[in-house]
PDB file of N, CA and C in Angstrom:
ATOM      1  N   MET A   1     -79.047 -57.214  17.767  1.00  0.00           N
ATOM      2  CA  MET A   1     -78.791 -56.174  18.507  1.00  0.00           C
ATOM      3  C   MET A   1     -77.394 -56.417  19.335  1.00  0.00           C
ATOM      4  N   SER A   2     -76.608 -55.413  19.016  1.00  0.00           N
ATOM      5  CA  SER A   2     -75.440 -55.478  19.903  1.00  0.00           C
ATOM      6  C   SER A   2     -75.015 -54.525  20.917  1.00  0.00           C
ATOM      7  N   ALA A   3     -74.312 -54.874  21.950  1.00  0.00           N
ATOM      8  CA  ALA A   3     -74.081 -53.940  22.916  1.00  0.00           C
ATOM      9  C   ALA A   3     -72.540 -53.499  22.975  1.00  0.00           C
ATOM     10  N   VAL A   4     -72.397 -52.222  23.213  1.00  0.00           N
ATOM     11  CA  VAL A   4     -71.093 -51.750  23.343  1.00  0.00           C
ATOM     12  C   VAL A   4     -70.673 -51.294  24.769  1.00  0.00           C
ATOM     13  N   LEU A   5     -69.595 -51.863  25.162  1.00  0.00           N
ATOM     14  CA  LEU A   5     -69.107 -51.630  26.539  1.00  0.00           C
ATOM     15  C   LEU A   5     -67.766 -50.927  26.480  1.00  0.00           C
ATOM     16  N   THR A   6     -67.816 -49.741  27.007  1.00  0.00           N
ATOM     17  CA  THR A   6     -66.617 -48.857  27.184  1.00  0.00           C
ATOM     18  C   THR A   6     -66.176 -48.848  28.562  1.00  0.00           C
ATOM     19  N   LEU A   7     -64.959 -49.211  28.782  1.00  0.00           N
ATOM     20  CA  LEU A   7     -64.154 -49.059  30.043  1.00  0.00           C
ATOM     21  C   LEU A   7     -63.226 -47.884  30.054  1.00  0.00           C
ATOM     22  N   ALA A   8     -63.445 -47.039  30.954  1.00  0.00           N
ATOM     23  CA  ALA A   8     -62.512 -46.048  31.384  1.00  0.00           C
ATOM     24  C   ALA A   8     -61.525 -46.383  32.331  1.00  0.00           C
ATOM     25  N   PRO A   9     -60.243 -46.078  32.301  1.00  0.00           N
ATOM     26  CA  PRO A   9     -59.224 -46.278  33.237  1.00  0.00           C
ATOM     27  C   PRO A   9     -59.784 -45.478  34.514  1.00  0.00           C
ATOM     28  N   ALA A  10     -59.292 -46.363  35.507  1.00  0.00           N
ATOM     29  CA  ALA A  10     -59.705 -45.678  36.992  1.00  0.00           C
ATOM     30  C   ALA A  10     -59.007 -44.620  37.307  1.00  0.00           C
ATOM     31  N   TYR A  11     -57.751 -44.424  36.688  1.00  0.00           N
ATOM     32  CA  TYR A  11     -56.964 -43.396  36.880  1.00  0.00           C
ATOM     33  C   TYR A  11     -56.361 -42.797  35.586  1.00  0.00           C
ATOM     34  N   ALA A  12     -56.962 -41.696  35.063  1.00  0.00           N
ATOM     35  CA  ALA A  12     -56.633 -41.032  33.822  1.00  0.00           C
ATOM     36  C   ALA A  12     -55.330 -40.267  33.964  1.00  0.00           C
ATOM     37  N   MET A  13     -54.181 -40.680  33.068  1.00  0.00           N
ATOM     38  CA  MET A  13     -53.049 -39.999  33.135  1.00  0.00           C
ATOM     39  C   MET A  13     -52.473 -39.615  32.011  1.00  0.00           C
ATOM     40  N   ASP A  14     -51.513 -38.773  31.953  1.00  0.00           N
ATOM     41  CA  ASP A  14     -50.813 -38.178  30.719  1.00  0.00           C
ATOM     42  C   ASP A  14     -49.278 -38.370  31.169  1.00  0.00           C
ATOM     43  N   CYS A  15     -48.567 -38.575  30.174  1.00  0.00           N
ATOM     44  CA  CYS A  15     -47.062 -38.613  30.306  1.00  0.00           C
ATOM     45  C   CYS A  15     -46.538 -37.252  30.349  1.00  0.00           C
ATOM     46  N   ASN A  16     -46.496 -36.566  31.557  1.00  0.00           N
ATOM     47  CA  ASN A  16     -46.024 -35.255  31.764  1.00  0.00           C
ATOM     48  C   ASN A  16     -45.528 -35.063  33.128  1.00  0.00           C
ATOM     49  N   ASP A  17     -44.776 -34.051  33.410  1.00  0.00           N
ATOM     50  CA  ASP A  17     -44.207 -33.821  34.702  1.00  0.00           C
ATOM     51  C   ASP A  17     -45.137 -33.849  35.954  1.00  0.00           C
ATOM     52  N   ALA A  18     -46.283 -33.192  35.635  1.00  0.00           N
ATOM     53  CA  ALA A  18     -47.179 -33.174  36.716  1.00  0.00           C
ATOM     54  C   ALA A  18     -47.792 -34.430  37.178  1.00  0.00           C
ATOM     55  N   GLU A  19     -47.985 -35.300  36.203  1.00  0.00           N
ATOM     56  CA  GLU A  19     -48.631 -36.796  36.463  1.00  0.00           C
ATOM     57  C   GLU A  19     -47.619 -37.524  37.200  1.00  0.00           C
ATOM     58  N   LEU A  20     -46.299 -37.488  36.522  1.00  0.00           N
ATOM     59  CA  LEU A  20     -45.223 -38.163  37.235  1.00  0.00           C
ATOM     60  C   LEU A  20     -44.873 -37.834  38.627  1.00  0.00           C
ATOM     61  N   LYS A  21     -44.964 -36.475  38.823  1.00  0.00           N
ATOM     62  CA  LYS A  21     -44.804 -35.914  40.310  1.00  0.00           C
ATOM     63  C   LYS A  21     -45.866 -36.574  41.250  1.00  0.00           C
ATOM     64  N   LYS A  22     -47.077 -36.538  40.703  1.00  0.00           N
ATOM     65  CA  LYS A  22     -48.225 -37.079  41.444  1.00  0.00           C
ATOM     66  C   LYS A  22     -48.018 -38.363  41.798  1.00  0.00           C
ATOM     67  N   MET A  23     -47.561 -39.116  40.766  1.00  0.00           N
ATOM     68  CA  MET A  23     -47.451 -40.568  41.031  1.00  0.00           C
ATOM     69  C   MET A  23     -46.284 -40.747  41.915  1.00  0.00           C
ATOM     70  N   GLN A  24     -45.232 -40.079  41.953  1.00  0.00           N
ATOM     71  CA  GLN A  24     -44.125 -40.178  42.897  1.00  0.00           C
ATOM     72  C   GLN A  24     -44.595 -40.087  44.224  1.00  0.00           C
ATOM     73  N   THR A  25     -45.596 -38.932  44.481  1.00  0.00           N
ATOM     74  CA  THR A  25     -45.998 -38.710  45.768  1.00  0.00           C
ATOM     75  C   THR A  25     -46.842 -40.069  46.340  1.00  0.00           C
ATOM     76  N   ASP A  26     -47.662 -40.440  45.353  1.00  0.00           N
ATOM     77  CA  ASP A  26     -48.409 -41.593  45.739  1.00  0.00           C
ATOM     78  C   ASP A  26     -47.496 -42.928  46.048  1.00  0.00           C
ATOM     79  N   ILE A  27     -46.418 -43.054  45.298  1.00  0.00           N
ATOM     80  CA  ILE A  27     -45.512 -44.227  45.667  1.00  0.00           C
ATOM     81  C   ILE A  27     -44.753 -44.072  46.871  1.00  0.00           C
ATOM     82  N   ASP A  28     -44.405 -42.633  47.261  1.00  0.00           N
ATOM     83  CA  ASP A  28     -43.611 -42.525  48.568  1.00  0.00           C
ATOM     84  C   ASP A  28     -44.506 -42.761  49.613  1.00  0.00           C
ATOM     85  N   ALA A  29     -45.816 -42.678  49.514  1.00  0.00           N
ATOM     86  CA  ALA A  29     -46.729 -42.848  50.635  1.00  0.00           C
ATOM     87  C   ALA A  29     -47.024 -44.512  50.769  1.00  0.00           C
ATOM     88  N   MET A  30     -46.565 -45.290  49.994  1.00  0.00           N
ATOM     89  CA  MET A  30     -46.810 -46.889  50.048  1.00  0.00           C
ATOM     90  C   MET A  30     -46.069 -47.462  51.134  1.00  0.00           C
ATOM     91  N   THR A  31     -46.471 -48.313  51.793  1.00  0.00           N
ATOM     92  CA  THR A  31     -45.876 -49.204  52.863  1.00  0.00           C
ATOM     93  C   THR A  31     -45.393 -50.480  52.614  1.00  0.00           C
ATOM     94  N   ASP A  32     -45.971 -51.030  51.501  1.00  0.00           N
ATOM     95  CA  ASP A  32     -45.421 -52.399  51.156  1.00  0.00           C
ATOM     96  C   ASP A  32     -44.056 -52.157  50.088  1.00  0.00           C
ATOM     97  N   ALA A  33     -42.949 -52.680  50.805  1.00  0.00           N
ATOM     98  CA  ALA A  33     -41.713 -52.342  50.266  1.00  0.00           C
ATOM     99  C   ALA A  33     -41.530 -53.021  48.866  1.00  0.00           C
ATOM    100  N   THR A  34     -42.061 -54.288  48.580  1.00  0.00           N
ATOM    101  CA  THR A  34     -41.840 -54.973  47.522  1.00  0.00           C
ATOM    102  C   THR A  34     -42.767 -54.234  46.235  1.00  0.00           C
ATOM    103  N   LYS A  35     -43.907 -53.787  46.593  1.00  0.00           N
ATOM    104  CA  LYS A  35     -44.827 -53.146  45.719  1.00  0.00           C
ATOM    105  C   LYS A  35     -44.038 -51.585  45.254  1.00  0.00           C
ATOM    106  N   LYS A  36     -43.703 -51.172  46.365  1.00  0.00           N
ATOM    107  CA  LYS A  36     -42.966 -49.831  46.308  1.00  0.00           C
ATOM    108  C   LYS A  36     -41.963 -49.888  45.243  1.00  0.00           C
ATOM    109  N   GLN A  37     -41.024 -50.889  45.569  1.00  0.00           N
ATOM    110  CA  GLN A  37     -39.789 -51.050  44.558  1.00  0.00           C
ATOM    111  C   GLN A  37     -40.320 -51.222  43.332  1.00  0.00           C
ATOM    112  N   GLU A  38     -41.138 -52.090  42.919  1.00  0.00           N
ATOM    113  CA  GLU A  38     -41.743 -52.285  41.521  1.00  0.00           C
ATOM    114  C   GLU A  38     -42.213 -51.057  40.912  1.00  0.00           C
ATOM    115  N   ALA A  39     -43.098 -50.400  41.707  1.00  0.00           N
ATOM    116  CA  ALA A  39     -43.702 -48.944  41.154  1.00  0.00           C
ATOM    117  C   ALA A  39     -42.473 -48.012  40.929  1.00  0.00           C
ATOM    118  N   THR A  40     -41.699 -48.024  41.746  1.00  0.00           N
ATOM    119  CA  THR A  40     -40.533 -46.979  41.533  1.00  0.00           C
ATOM    120  C   THR A  40     -39.726 -47.275  40.390  1.00  0.00           C
ATOM    121  N   LYS A  41     -39.480 -48.574  40.140  1.00  0.00           N
ATOM    122  CA  LYS A  41     -38.590 -49.076  39.031  1.00  0.00           C
ATOM    123  C   LYS A  41     -39.483 -48.573  37.612  1.00  0.00           C
ATOM    124  N   HIS A  42     -40.668 -48.835  37.804  1.00  0.00           N
ATOM    125  CA  HIS A  42     -41.458 -48.353  36.273  1.00  0.00           C
ATOM    126  C   HIS A  42     -41.633 -46.791  36.400  1.00  0.00           C
ATOM    127  N   LEU A  43     -41.730 -46.144  37.411  1.00  0.00           N
ATOM    128  CA  LEU A  43     -41.692 -44.747  37.413  1.00  0.00           C
ATOM    129  C   LEU A  43     -40.527 -44.259  36.868  1.00  0.00           C
ATOM    130  N   THR A  44     -39.481 -44.772  37.276  1.00  0.00           N
ATOM    131  CA  THR A  44     -38.156 -44.199  36.648  1.00  0.00           C
ATOM    132  C   THR A  44     -38.042 -44.396  35.189  1.00  0.00           C
ATOM    133  N   MET A  45     -38.469 -45.571  34.696  1.00  0.00           N
ATOM    134  CA  MET A  45     -38.359 -45.898  33.413  1.00  0.00           C
ATOM    135  C   MET A  45     -39.428 -45.026  32.512  1.00  0.00           C
ATOM    136  N   ALA A  46     -40.593 -44.717  33.139  1.00  0.00           N
ATOM    137  CA  ALA A  46     -41.471 -43.887  32.628  1.00  0.00           C
ATOM    138  C   ALA A  46     -40.788 -42.325  32.661  1.00  0.00           C
ATOM    139  N   MET A  47     -40.167 -41.817  33.517  1.00  0.00           N
ATOM    140  CA  MET A  47     -39.389 -40.649  33.351  1.00  0.00           C
ATOM    141  C   MET A  47     -38.196 -40.696  32.304  1.00  0.00           C
ATOM    142  N   ASP A  48     -37.596 -41.639  32.257  1.00  0.00           N
ATOM    143  CA  ASP A  48     -36.579 -41.781  31.220  1.00  0.00           C
ATOM    144  C   ASP A  48     -37.402 -41.702  29.805  1.00  0.00           C
ATOM    145  N   SER A  49     -38.232 -42.506  29.707  1.00  0.00           N
ATOM    146  CA  SER A  49     -39.002 -42.483  28.355  1.00  0.00           C
ATOM    147  C   SER A  49     -39.467 -41.003  27.898  1.00  0.00           C
ATOM    148  N   MET A  50     -40.127 -40.281  28.979  1.00  0.00           N
ATOM    149  CA  MET A  50     -40.577 -38.969  28.737  1.00  0.00           C
ATOM    150  C   MET A  50     -39.409 -38.063  28.202  1.00  0.00           C
ATOM    151  N   LYS A  51     -38.309 -38.293  28.900  1.00  0.00           N
ATOM    152  CA  LYS A  51     -37.040 -37.461  28.526  1.00  0.00           C
ATOM    153  C   LYS A  51     -36.784 -37.710  27.069  1.00  0.00           C
ATOM    154  N   GLN A  52     -37.096 -38.883  26.569  1.00  0.00           N
ATOM    155  CA  GLN A  52     -36.637 -39.387  25.223  1.00  0.00           C
ATOM    156  C   GLN A  52     -37.533 -38.978  24.374  1.00  0.00           C
ATOM    157  N   LYS A  53     -38.932 -38.490  24.706  1.00  0.00           N
ATOM    158  CA  LYS A  53     -40.083 -38.227  24.036  1.00  0.00           C
ATOM    159  C   LYS A  53     -40.800 -39.366  23.476  1.00  0.00           C
ATOM    160  N   ASP A  54     -40.685 -40.646  24.159  1.00  0.00           N
ATOM    161  CA  ASP A  54     -41.278 -41.673  23.814  1.00  0.00           C
ATOM    162  C   ASP A  54     -42.523 -41.864  24.732  1.00  0.00           C
ATOM    163  N   THR A  55     -43.692 -41.282  24.175  1.00  0.00           N
ATOM    164  CA  THR A  55     -44.951 -41.234  25.007  1.00  0.00           C
ATOM    165  C   THR A  55     -45.330 -42.754  25.089  1.00  0.00           C
ATOM    166  N   LYS A  56     -45.374 -43.406  24.047  1.00  0.00           N
ATOM    167  CA  LYS A  56     -45.896 -44.912  24.158  1.00  0.00           C
ATOM    168  C   LYS A  56     -45.206 -45.509  25.252  1.00  0.00           C
ATOM    169  N   ALA A  57     -43.933 -45.589  25.374  1.00  0.00           N
ATOM    170  CA  ALA A  57     -43.170 -46.343  26.451  1.00  0.00           C
ATOM    171  C   ALA A  57     -43.605 -45.690  27.690  1.00  0.00           C
ATOM    172  N   CYS A  58     -43.472 -44.485  27.662  1.00  0.00           N
ATOM    173  CA  CYS A  58     -43.767 -43.702  29.128  1.00  0.00           C
ATOM    174  C   CYS A  58     -45.230 -44.208  29.582  1.00  0.00           C
ATOM    175  N   MET A  59     -46.150 -44.119  28.847  1.00  0.00           N
ATOM    176  CA  MET A  59     -47.459 -44.594  29.118  1.00  0.00           C
ATOM    177  C   MET A  59     -47.516 -45.978  29.641  1.00  0.00           C
ATOM    178  N   SER A  60     -46.710 -46.961  29.159  1.00  0.00           N
ATOM    179  CA  SER A  60     -46.788 -48.130  29.225  1.00  0.00           C
ATOM    180  C   SER A  60     -46.125 -48.364  30.733  1.00  0.00           C
ATOM    181  N   HIS A  61     -44.998 -47.736  30.852  1.00  0.00           N
ATOM    182  CA  HIS A  61     -44.313 -47.806  32.288  1.00  0.00           C
ATOM    183  C   HIS A  61     -45.240 -47.146  33.382  1.00  0.00           C
ATOM    184  N   MET A  62     -46.004 -46.112  32.958  1.00  0.00           N
ATOM    185  CA  MET A  62     -46.886 -45.614  34.006  1.00  0.00           C
ATOM    186  C   MET A  62     -47.967 -46.439  34.335  1.00  0.00           C
ATOM    187  N   ASP A  63     -48.455 -47.226  33.341  1.00  0.00           N
ATOM    188  CA  ASP A  63     -49.392 -48.361  33.425  1.00  0.00           C
ATOM    189  C   ASP A  63     -48.919 -49.328  34.480  1.00  0.00           C
ATOM    190  N   GLU A  64     -47.724 -49.787  34.229  1.00  0.00           N
ATOM    191  CA  GLU A  64     -47.105 -50.822  35.085  1.00  0.00           C
ATOM    192  C   GLU A  64     -46.865 -50.304  36.567  1.00  0.00           C
ATOM    193  N   ALA A  65     -46.557 -49.146  36.559  1.00  0.00           N
ATOM    194  CA  ALA A  65     -46.367 -48.682  38.025  1.00  0.00           C
ATOM    195  C   ALA A  65     -47.686 -48.406  38.787  1.00  0.00           C
ATOM    196  N   MET A  66     -48.724 -48.147  38.008  1.00  0.00           N
ATOM    197  CA  MET A  66     -50.114 -48.116  38.677  1.00  0.00           C
ATOM    198  C   MET A  66     -50.499 -49.482  39.052  1.00  0.00           C
ATOM    199  N   LYS A  67     -50.216 -50.438  38.288  1.00  0.00           N
ATOM    200  CA  LYS A  67     -50.483 -52.045  38.621  1.00  0.00           C
ATOM    201  C   LYS A  67     -49.812 -52.252  39.916  1.00  0.00           C
ATOM    202  N   ALA A  68     -48.625 -51.962  39.941  1.00  0.00           N
ATOM    203  CA  ALA A  68     -47.680 -52.353  41.177  1.00  0.00           C
ATOM    204  C   ALA A  68     -48.255 -51.499  42.395  1.00  0.00           C
ATOM    205  N   MET A  69     -48.966 -50.246  42.181  1.00  0.00           N
ATOM    206  CA  MET A  69     -49.617 -49.571  43.215  1.00  0.00           C
ATOM    207  C   MET A  69     -50.969 -50.180  43.787  1.00  0.00           C
ATOM    208  N   GLY A  70     -51.407 -51.050  42.872  1.00  0.00           N
ATOM    209  CA  GLY A  70     -52.680 -51.621  43.188  1.00  0.00           C
ATOM    210  C   GLY A  70     -53.741 -51.109  42.660  1.00  0.00           C
ATOM    211  N   HIS A  71     -53.708 -50.153  41.531  1.00  0.00           N
ATOM    212  CA  HIS A  71     -54.649 -49.413  40.784  1.00  0.00           C
ATOM    213  C   HIS A  71     -55.154 -50.019  39.539  1.00  0.00           C
TER     214      HIS A  71
END
């Protein structure tokens, strides 16, 4: 008998303008300057990747931004 464990991300996201704007709003509300700077760096890279239509890179940078935000 085998068990299957499926983990869903706590924050479902897509690489699109709406998600990036929502993430920007969340970052703007952060009070930890170091974490805020790290999250902003990755959000900027995610936005650049989206403009280049590189969804994989965009999602990766969004994930890193979320980690910096503590999610």
